């Protein structure tokens, strides 16, 4: 088995549970830097009274859709080499980034979503099952048990919609696992994993960045299409591929090129 960023044990956990947790994925210095840049972007977003696309807007949370448009640091995080290797193991050598967000969940706020799966679709490429999408959460703050955790129902990727439990209150989901994590943690999950944001009952603010990847023939979600200014920054095949631009590299050459440049 040719694994670039995952161990065999992690691959087995992925196939069983539908999500993976990478502690200390981002060094503390980088985490502090992204927090600073997120605050700066949020300040400008509010001062200029910008609006999120209706397709991505959430309630009870401060949000910037298309955060890569606002700061070079987030564009670079989109192509983090370690995460690219993880994505290669899960999606293959051809994939795109279909949406991205910066989220700040204030204290004492209700959850901005209930239990759901992002997609029930599984694709088959060369007769192998490939997720329709994979989300990456980078947590920029510690998340306490009652601090609005991202939560999963392990193994739900193998369940039909009819088998998924329904609850009125997010915290009542039987068998759920909370991402009670430290800042710098990256959480990766399958688009069909049953998940929810829980209520933030704590006095703490939950801060995160989200990147959503999909096979290369999936198109960027409406409202998240890269601007012409952002496309002008696509000076590598890897970045062109991730932004859904053409021409882009149709095989592993994008990654080989990037490895040489580094």
C-alpha atoms as a PDB file:
ATOM      1  CA  UNK A   1       0.000   0.000   0.000  1.00  0.00           C
ATOM      2  CA  UNK A   2       1.467   3.347  -1.099  1.00  0.00           C
ATOM      3  CA  UNK A   3       0.784   5.787   1.745  1.00  0.00           C
ATOM      4  CA  UNK A   4       2.067   9.370   1.596  1.00  0.00           C
ATOM      5  CA  UNK A   5       0.726  10.968   4.765  1.00  0.00           C
ATOM      6  CA  UNK A   6      -1.086   8.209   6.669  1.00  0.00           C
ATOM      7  CA  UNK A   7       0.064   5.168   8.555  1.00  0.00           C
ATOM      8  CA  UNK A   8      -1.659   1.857   7.869  1.00  0.00           C
ATOM      9  CA  UNK A   9      -3.345   2.172  11.277  1.00  0.00           C
ATOM     10  CA  UNK A  10      -4.699   5.608  10.390  1.00  0.00           C
ATOM     11  CA  UNK A  11      -6.010   4.339   7.066  1.00  0.00           C
ATOM     12  CA  UNK A  12      -7.835   1.552   8.903  1.00  0.00           C
ATOM     13  CA  UNK A  13      -9.292   4.065  11.375  1.00  0.00           C
ATOM     14  CA  UNK A  14     -10.439   6.224   8.478  1.00  0.00           C
ATOM     15  CA  UNK A  15     -12.201   3.338   6.787  1.00  0.00           C
ATOM     16  CA  UNK A  16     -13.827   2.281  10.075  1.00  0.00           C
ATOM     17  CA  UNK A  17     -14.819   5.641  11.609  1.00  0.00           C
ATOM     18  CA  UNK A  18     -14.826   8.174   8.751  1.00  0.00           C
ATOM     19  CA  UNK A  19     -12.630  10.741  10.507  1.00  0.00           C
ATOM     20  CA  UNK A  20      -9.068  11.259  11.740  1.00  0.00           C
ATOM     21  CA  UNK A  21      -7.552  13.491  14.420  1.00  0.00           C
ATOM     22  CA  UNK A  22      -4.015  14.872  14.070  1.00  0.00           C
ATOM     23  CA  UNK A  23      -2.819  16.446  17.300  1.00  0.00           C
ATOM     24  CA  UNK A  24      -0.140  19.169  17.096  1.00  0.00           C
ATOM     25  CA  UNK A  25      -0.549  19.324  13.331  1.00  0.00           C
ATOM     26  CA  UNK A  26       0.113  23.067  13.371  1.00  0.00           C
ATOM     27  CA  UNK A  27       3.030  24.325  15.511  1.00  0.00           C
ATOM     28  CA  UNK A  28       2.004  26.787  18.216  1.00  0.00           C
ATOM     29  CA  UNK A  29       3.815  29.651  16.462  1.00  0.00           C
ATOM     30  CA  UNK A  30       1.811  29.020  13.291  1.00  0.00           C
ATOM     31  CA  UNK A  31      -1.423  28.730  15.247  1.00  0.00           C
ATOM     32  CA  UNK A  32      -0.807  32.129  16.851  1.00  0.00           C
ATOM     33  CA  UNK A  33      -0.038  33.592  13.419  1.00  0.00           C
ATOM     34  CA  UNK A  34      -3.271  32.255  11.890  1.00  0.00           C
ATOM     35  CA  UNK A  35      -5.245  33.596  14.850  1.00  0.00           C
ATOM     36  CA  UNK A  36      -3.759  37.037  14.286  1.00  0.00           C
ATOM     37  CA  UNK A  37      -4.561  36.938  10.571  1.00  0.00           C
ATOM     38  CA  UNK A  38      -8.097  35.658  11.219  1.00  0.00           C
ATOM     39  CA  UNK A  39      -8.770  38.561  13.588  1.00  0.00           C
ATOM     40  CA  UNK A  40      -7.428  41.039  11.043  1.00  0.00           C
ATOM     41  CA  UNK A  41      -9.565  39.574   8.263  1.00  0.00           C
ATOM     42  CA  UNK A  42     -12.659  39.570  10.496  1.00  0.00           C
ATOM     43  CA  UNK A  43     -12.107  43.230  11.413  1.00  0.00           C
ATOM     44  CA  UNK A  44     -11.893  44.288   7.758  1.00  0.00           C
ATOM     45  CA  UNK A  45     -14.880  42.084   6.871  1.00  0.00           C
ATOM     46  CA  UNK A  46     -17.034  43.825   9.476  1.00  0.00           C
ATOM     47  CA  UNK A  47     -15.782  47.357   8.809  1.00  0.00           C
ATOM     48  CA  UNK A  48     -16.471  47.027   5.098  1.00  0.00           C
ATOM     49  CA  UNK A  49     -19.852  45.414   5.829  1.00  0.00           C
ATOM     50  CA  UNK A  50     -19.116  42.486   3.542  1.00  0.00           C
ATOM     51  CA  UNK A  51     -21.613  39.651   3.162  1.00  0.00           C
ATOM     52  CA  UNK A  52     -21.176  35.893   2.857  1.00  0.00           C
ATOM     53  CA  UNK A  53     -22.816  34.017  -0.030  1.00  0.00           C
ATOM     54  CA  UNK A  54     -26.196  32.597   0.957  1.00  0.00           C
ATOM     55  CA  UNK A  55     -24.946  29.120   0.060  1.00  0.00           C
ATOM     56  CA  UNK A  56     -22.393  29.213   2.881  1.00  0.00           C
ATOM     57  CA  UNK A  57     -23.793  31.544   5.547  1.00  0.00           C
ATOM     58  CA  UNK A  58     -24.341  30.131   9.061  1.00  0.00           C
ATOM     59  CA  UNK A  59     -26.211  31.419  12.107  1.00  0.00           C
ATOM     60  CA  UNK A  60     -24.799  31.902  15.634  1.00  0.00           C
ATOM     61  CA  UNK A  61     -21.209  32.116  14.417  1.00  0.00           C
ATOM     62  CA  UNK A  62     -18.869  34.807  13.044  1.00  0.00           C
ATOM     63  CA  UNK A  63     -17.854  33.569   9.618  1.00  0.00           C
ATOM     64  CA  UNK A  64     -15.892  34.529   6.540  1.00  0.00           C
ATOM     65  CA  UNK A  65     -16.624  32.406   3.488  1.00  0.00           C
ATOM     66  CA  UNK A  66     -13.704  32.212   1.082  1.00  0.00           C
ATOM     67  CA  UNK A  67     -11.131  33.094   3.724  1.00  0.00           C
ATOM     68  CA  UNK A  68      -8.291  32.455   1.238  1.00  0.00           C
ATOM     69  CA  UNK A  69      -9.336  35.632  -0.574  1.00  0.00           C
ATOM     70  CA  UNK A  70      -8.523  37.701   2.504  1.00  0.00           C
ATOM     71  CA  UNK A  71      -5.013  36.651   3.471  1.00  0.00           C
ATOM     72  CA  UNK A  72      -2.055  34.983   1.737  1.00  0.00           C
ATOM     73  CA  UNK A  73      -1.405  32.883   4.847  1.00  0.00           C
ATOM     74  CA  UNK A  74      -4.701  31.028   4.381  1.00  0.00           C
ATOM     75  CA  UNK A  75      -4.018  30.459   0.691  1.00  0.00           C
ATOM     76  CA  UNK A  76      -0.722  28.846   1.682  1.00  0.00           C
ATOM     77  CA  UNK A  77      -2.459  26.734   4.341  1.00  0.00           C
ATOM     78  CA  UNK A  78      -4.765  25.414   1.605  1.00  0.00           C
ATOM     79  CA  UNK A  79      -1.722  23.640   0.129  1.00  0.00           C
ATOM     80  CA  UNK A  80      -0.021  22.618   3.386  1.00  0.00           C
ATOM     81  CA  UNK A  81       2.426  19.872   2.279  1.00  0.00           C
ATOM     82  CA  UNK A  82       1.599  17.501   5.143  1.00  0.00           C
ATOM     83  CA  UNK A  83      -2.125  17.807   4.489  1.00  0.00           C
ATOM     84  CA  UNK A  84      -1.627  17.414   0.763  1.00  0.00           C
ATOM     85  CA  UNK A  85      -0.019  14.050   1.438  1.00  0.00           C
ATOM     86  CA  UNK A  86      -2.982  13.038   3.580  1.00  0.00           C
ATOM     87  CA  UNK A  87      -5.362  14.085   0.795  1.00  0.00           C
ATOM     88  CA  UNK A  88      -3.372  12.087  -1.751  1.00  0.00           C
ATOM     89  CA  UNK A  89      -3.896   8.975   0.342  1.00  0.00           C
ATOM     90  CA  UNK A  90      -7.638   9.649   0.599  1.00  0.00           C
ATOM     91  CA  UNK A  91      -8.477  11.233  -2.781  1.00  0.00           C
ATOM     92  CA  UNK A  92      -5.616  10.307  -5.108  1.00  0.00           C
ATOM     93  CA  UNK A  93      -3.373  12.682  -7.061  1.00  0.00           C
ATOM     94  CA  UNK A  94      -6.180  14.798  -8.552  1.00  0.00           C
ATOM     95  CA  UNK A  95      -8.383  16.962  -6.327  1.00  0.00           C
ATOM     96  CA  UNK A  96      -9.660  20.500  -5.858  1.00  0.00           C
ATOM     97  CA  UNK A  97     -10.571  22.765  -2.963  1.00  0.00           C
ATOM     98  CA  UNK A  98     -14.325  23.458  -3.213  1.00  0.00           C
ATOM     99  CA  UNK A  99     -14.899  25.792  -0.256  1.00  0.00           C
ATOM    100  CA  UNK A 100     -13.075  27.351   2.687  1.00  0.00           C
ATOM    101  CA  UNK A 101     -14.104  29.319   5.771  1.00  0.00           C
ATOM    102  CA  UNK A 102     -12.846  31.112   8.837  1.00  0.00           C
ATOM    103  CA  UNK A 103     -15.116  30.541  11.861  1.00  0.00           C
ATOM    104  CA  UNK A 104     -15.263  32.144  15.293  1.00  0.00           C
ATOM    105  CA  UNK A 105     -17.857  30.627  17.633  1.00  0.00           C
ATOM    106  CA  UNK A 106     -18.605  33.060  20.504  1.00  0.00           C
ATOM    107  CA  UNK A 107     -19.242  31.855  24.075  1.00  0.00           C
ATOM    108  CA  UNK A 108     -22.737  30.913  25.239  1.00  0.00           C
ATOM    109  CA  UNK A 109     -24.056  30.489  21.703  1.00  0.00           C
ATOM    110  CA  UNK A 110     -26.367  27.817  20.357  1.00  0.00           C
ATOM    111  CA  UNK A 111     -25.030  25.417  17.744  1.00  0.00           C
ATOM    112  CA  UNK A 112     -25.108  26.712  14.170  1.00  0.00           C
ATOM    113  CA  UNK A 113     -26.142  23.315  12.793  1.00  0.00           C
ATOM    114  CA  UNK A 114     -27.693  20.019  13.868  1.00  0.00           C
ATOM    115  CA  UNK A 115     -26.687  16.464  12.993  1.00  0.00           C
ATOM    116  CA  UNK A 116     -26.228  15.941   9.274  1.00  0.00           C
ATOM    117  CA  UNK A 117     -23.944  14.515   6.626  1.00  0.00           C
ATOM    118  CA  UNK A 118     -22.522  16.812   3.974  1.00  0.00           C
ATOM    119  CA  UNK A 119     -23.172  14.275   1.237  1.00  0.00           C
ATOM    120  CA  UNK A 120     -24.486  10.758   0.895  1.00  0.00           C
ATOM    121  CA  UNK A 121     -22.594  10.224  -2.340  1.00  0.00           C
ATOM    122  CA  UNK A 122     -19.617   7.902  -2.795  1.00  0.00           C
ATOM    123  CA  UNK A 123     -17.752   8.016  -6.087  1.00  0.00           C
ATOM    124  CA  UNK A 124     -15.889   5.184  -7.753  1.00  0.00           C
ATOM    125  CA  UNK A 125     -12.616   5.905  -9.551  1.00  0.00           C
ATOM    126  CA  UNK A 126     -10.941   2.920 -11.205  1.00  0.00           C
ATOM    127  CA  UNK A 127     -13.420   0.770  -9.266  1.00  0.00           C
ATOM    128  CA  UNK A 128     -12.191   2.183  -5.932  1.00  0.00           C
ATOM    129  CA  UNK A 129     -14.549   4.122  -3.617  1.00  0.00           C
ATOM    130  CA  UNK A 130     -13.544   7.790  -3.276  1.00  0.00           C
ATOM    131  CA  UNK A 131     -15.283  10.322  -0.998  1.00  0.00           C
ATOM    132  CA  UNK A 132     -17.300  13.000  -2.765  1.00  0.00           C
ATOM    133  CA  UNK A 133     -15.685  15.469  -0.367  1.00  0.00           C
ATOM    134  CA  UNK A 134     -13.328  15.588   2.601  1.00  0.00           C
ATOM    135  CA  UNK A 135     -13.301  18.437   5.116  1.00  0.00           C
ATOM    136  CA  UNK A 136     -10.317  19.601   7.125  1.00  0.00           C
ATOM    137  CA  UNK A 137     -10.813  21.560  10.357  1.00  0.00           C
ATOM    138  CA  UNK A 138      -7.787  23.358  11.791  1.00  0.00           C
ATOM    139  CA  UNK A 139      -8.536  24.343  15.389  1.00  0.00           C
ATOM    140  CA  UNK A 140      -6.909  27.611  16.413  1.00  0.00           C
ATOM    141  CA  UNK A 141      -8.099  27.416  20.026  1.00  0.00           C
ATOM    142  CA  UNK A 142      -8.484  24.761  22.680  1.00  0.00           C
ATOM    143  CA  UNK A 143     -12.002  23.311  22.587  1.00  0.00           C
ATOM    144  CA  UNK A 144     -13.426  22.266  25.942  1.00  0.00           C
ATOM    145  CA  UNK A 145     -15.976  19.467  26.351  1.00  0.00           C
ATOM    146  CA  UNK A 146     -18.858  21.979  26.449  1.00  0.00           C
ATOM    147  CA  UNK A 147     -17.179  24.502  24.152  1.00  0.00           C
ATOM    148  CA  UNK A 148     -19.125  23.915  20.939  1.00  0.00           C
ATOM    149  CA  UNK A 149     -17.246  20.800  19.870  1.00  0.00           C
ATOM    150  CA  UNK A 150     -17.347  19.345  16.417  1.00  0.00           C
ATOM    151  CA  UNK A 151     -18.812  15.869  17.018  1.00  0.00           C
ATOM    152  CA  UNK A 152     -19.100  12.635  15.016  1.00  0.00           C
ATOM    153  CA  UNK A 153     -21.046   9.408  15.086  1.00  0.00           C
ATOM    154  CA  UNK A 154     -18.227   6.891  14.476  1.00  0.00           C
ATOM    155  CA  UNK A 155     -18.909   4.405  11.703  1.00  0.00           C
ATOM    156  CA  UNK A 156     -21.812   6.429  10.299  1.00  0.00           C
ATOM    157  CA  UNK A 157     -20.136   6.364   6.870  1.00  0.00           C
ATOM    158  CA  UNK A 158     -21.354   2.764   6.662  1.00  0.00           C
ATOM    159  CA  UNK A 159     -24.950   3.580   7.630  1.00  0.00           C
ATOM    160  CA  UNK A 160     -27.901   4.396   5.368  1.00  0.00           C
ATOM    161  CA  UNK A 161     -29.854   7.588   5.965  1.00  0.00           C
ATOM    162  CA  UNK A 162     -32.667   5.547   7.501  1.00  0.00           C
ATOM    163  CA  UNK A 163     -30.264   4.067  10.060  1.00  0.00           C
ATOM    164  CA  UNK A 164     -28.989   7.422  11.318  1.00  0.00           C
ATOM    165  CA  UNK A 165     -30.460   8.391  14.724  1.00  0.00           C
ATOM    166  CA  UNK A 166     -32.486  11.599  14.975  1.00  0.00           C
ATOM    167  CA  UNK A 167     -32.328  13.801  18.076  1.00  0.00           C
ATOM    168  CA  UNK A 168     -33.848  17.130  19.031  1.00  0.00           C
ATOM    169  CA  UNK A 169     -30.834  18.297  21.039  1.00  0.00           C
ATOM    170  CA  UNK A 170     -27.371  17.866  19.517  1.00  0.00           C
ATOM    171  CA  UNK A 171     -25.841  16.588  22.757  1.00  0.00           C
ATOM    172  CA  UNK A 172     -28.396  13.740  22.984  1.00  0.00           C
ATOM    173  CA  UNK A 173     -26.936  11.815  20.037  1.00  0.00           C
ATOM    174  CA  UNK A 174     -26.155   8.282  21.309  1.00  0.00           C
ATOM    175  CA  UNK A 175     -22.559   7.156  20.859  1.00  0.00           C
ATOM    176  CA  UNK A 176     -21.224  10.482  19.601  1.00  0.00           C
ATOM    177  CA  UNK A 177     -17.574  11.492  19.994  1.00  0.00           C
ATOM    178  CA  UNK A 178     -16.611  15.121  20.691  1.00  0.00           C
ATOM    179  CA  UNK A 179     -13.571  16.813  19.240  1.00  0.00           C
ATOM    180  CA  UNK A 180     -12.453  18.078  22.645  1.00  0.00           C
ATOM    181  CA  UNK A 181      -9.063  19.095  21.231  1.00  0.00           C
ATOM    182  CA  UNK A 182      -6.083  21.383  21.759  1.00  0.00           C
ATOM    183  CA  UNK A 183      -5.274  24.273  19.436  1.00  0.00           C
ATOM    184  CA  UNK A 184      -3.112  23.209  16.510  1.00  0.00           C
ATOM    185  CA  UNK A 185      -5.152  20.025  16.016  1.00  0.00           C
ATOM    186  CA  UNK A 186      -6.335  19.103  12.517  1.00  0.00           C
ATOM    187  CA  UNK A 187      -9.469  16.992  12.093  1.00  0.00           C
ATOM    188  CA  UNK A 188     -10.199  15.366   8.731  1.00  0.00           C
ATOM    189  CA  UNK A 189     -13.557  13.774   7.947  1.00  0.00           C
ATOM    190  CA  UNK A 190     -15.469  12.019   5.183  1.00  0.00           C
ATOM    191  CA  UNK A 191     -18.332  13.983   3.607  1.00  0.00           C
ATOM    192  CA  UNK A 192     -20.814  11.229   4.506  1.00  0.00           C
ATOM    193  CA  UNK A 193     -19.791  11.092   8.182  1.00  0.00           C
ATOM    194  CA  UNK A 194     -22.718  12.053  10.428  1.00  0.00           C
ATOM    195  CA  UNK A 195     -21.580  15.118  12.354  1.00  0.00           C
ATOM    196  CA  UNK A 196     -22.673  18.266  14.119  1.00  0.00           C
ATOM    197  CA  UNK A 197     -21.437  21.355  15.883  1.00  0.00           C
ATOM    198  CA  UNK A 198     -22.550  21.196  19.511  1.00  0.00           C
ATOM    199  CA  UNK A 199     -23.765  24.106  21.618  1.00  0.00           C
ATOM    200  CA  UNK A 200     -21.095  26.315  23.134  1.00  0.00           C
ATOM    201  CA  UNK A 201     -22.106  26.348  26.799  1.00  0.00           C
ATOM    202  CA  UNK A 202     -18.665  27.546  27.883  1.00  0.00           C
ATOM    203  CA  UNK A 203     -17.129  30.985  28.411  1.00  0.00           C
ATOM    204  CA  UNK A 204     -14.597  30.229  25.675  1.00  0.00           C
ATOM    205  CA  UNK A 205     -14.465  31.145  21.980  1.00  0.00           C
ATOM    206  CA  UNK A 206     -14.000  28.334  19.452  1.00  0.00           C
ATOM    207  CA  UNK A 207     -11.800  29.350  16.516  1.00  0.00           C
ATOM    208  CA  UNK A 208     -11.217  27.298  13.386  1.00  0.00           C
ATOM    209  CA  UNK A 209     -10.328  27.297   9.700  1.00  0.00           C
ATOM    210  CA  UNK A 210     -12.056  24.909   7.297  1.00  0.00           C
ATOM    211  CA  UNK A 211     -10.915  23.608   3.908  1.00  0.00           C
ATOM    212  CA  UNK A 212     -13.081  21.274   1.842  1.00  0.00           C
ATOM    213  CA  UNK A 213     -11.453  19.069  -0.828  1.00  0.00           C
ATOM    214  CA  UNK A 214     -13.032  16.915  -3.538  1.00  0.00           C
ATOM    215  CA  UNK A 215     -12.085  14.894  -6.642  1.00  0.00           C
ATOM    216  CA  UNK A 216     -10.951  17.120  -9.502  1.00  0.00           C
ATOM    217  CA  UNK A 217     -14.159  16.815 -11.537  1.00  0.00           C
ATOM    218  CA  UNK A 218     -16.213  18.379  -8.707  1.00  0.00           C
ATOM    219  CA  UNK A 219     -16.664  22.133  -9.131  1.00  0.00           C
ATOM    220  CA  UNK A 220     -16.103  24.847  -6.549  1.00  0.00           C
ATOM    221  CA  UNK A 221     -19.284  25.574  -4.581  1.00  0.00           C
ATOM    222  CA  UNK A 222     -21.255  28.626  -5.803  1.00  0.00           C
ATOM    223  CA  UNK A 223     -20.080  31.756  -4.022  1.00  0.00           C
ATOM    224  CA  UNK A 224     -16.609  30.335  -3.414  1.00  0.00           C
ATOM    225  CA  UNK A 225     -15.233  30.652  -6.942  1.00  0.00           C
ATOM    226  CA  UNK A 226     -11.726  32.181  -6.873  1.00  0.00           C
ATOM    227  CA  UNK A 227     -11.466  35.834  -7.897  1.00  0.00           C
ATOM    228  CA  UNK A 228      -9.269  36.957 -10.763  1.00  0.00           C
ATOM    229  CA  UNK A 229      -6.864  38.422  -8.200  1.00  0.00           C
ATOM    230  CA  UNK A 230      -6.587  35.037  -6.507  1.00  0.00           C
ATOM    231  CA  UNK A 231      -6.107  33.219  -9.810  1.00  0.00           C
ATOM    232  CA  UNK A 232      -3.216  35.571 -10.580  1.00  0.00           C
ATOM    233  CA  UNK A 233      -1.433  34.125  -7.527  1.00  0.00           C
ATOM    234  CA  UNK A 234      -1.681  30.586  -8.918  1.00  0.00           C
ATOM    235  CA  UNK A 235       1.925  30.298 -10.071  1.00  0.00           C
ATOM    236  CA  UNK A 236       2.279  26.519  -9.613  1.00  0.00           C
ATOM    237  CA  UNK A 237       0.440  23.533 -11.057  1.00  0.00           C
ATOM    238  CA  UNK A 238      -0.547  22.500  -7.532  1.00  0.00           C
ATOM    239  CA  UNK A 239      -2.222  25.823  -6.789  1.00  0.00           C
ATOM    240  CA  UNK A 240      -3.928  25.861 -10.195  1.00  0.00           C
ATOM    241  CA  UNK A 241      -5.229  22.368  -9.549  1.00  0.00           C
ATOM    242  CA  UNK A 242      -6.573  23.247  -6.085  1.00  0.00           C
ATOM    243  CA  UNK A 243      -8.303  26.383  -7.371  1.00  0.00           C
ATOM    244  CA  UNK A 244      -9.964  24.426 -10.176  1.00  0.00           C
ATOM    245  CA  UNK A 245      -8.118  26.272 -12.935  1.00  0.00           C
ATOM    246  CA  UNK A 246      -6.926  25.044 -16.321  1.00  0.00           C
ATOM    247  CA  UNK A 247      -4.498  24.017 -17.495  1.00  0.00           C
ATOM    248  CA  UNK A 248      -3.700  21.943 -14.473  1.00  0.00           C
ATOM    249  CA  UNK A 249      -1.588  18.866 -13.966  1.00  0.00           C
ATOM    250  CA  UNK A 250      -3.476  15.612 -14.477  1.00  0.00           C
ATOM    251  CA  UNK A 251      -1.152  13.404 -12.475  1.00  0.00           C
ATOM    252  CA  UNK A 252       1.338  13.475  -9.607  1.00  0.00           C
ATOM    253  CA  UNK A 253       3.585  15.981 -11.427  1.00  0.00           C
ATOM    254  CA  UNK A 254       1.939  18.831  -9.513  1.00  0.00           C
ATOM    255  CA  UNK A 255       3.231  17.346  -6.284  1.00  0.00           C
ATOM    256  CA  UNK A 256       6.623  16.448  -7.744  1.00  0.00           C
ATOM    257  CA  UNK A 257       7.023  20.019  -8.964  1.00  0.00           C
ATOM    258  CA  UNK A 258       6.140  21.360  -5.540  1.00  0.00           C
ATOM    259  CA  UNK A 259       8.593  19.028  -3.819  1.00  0.00           C
ATOM    260  CA  UNK A 260      11.409  20.217  -6.073  1.00  0.00           C
ATOM    261  CA  UNK A 261      10.555  23.893  -5.490  1.00  0.00           C
ATOM    262  CA  UNK A 262      10.759  23.386  -1.737  1.00  0.00           C
END
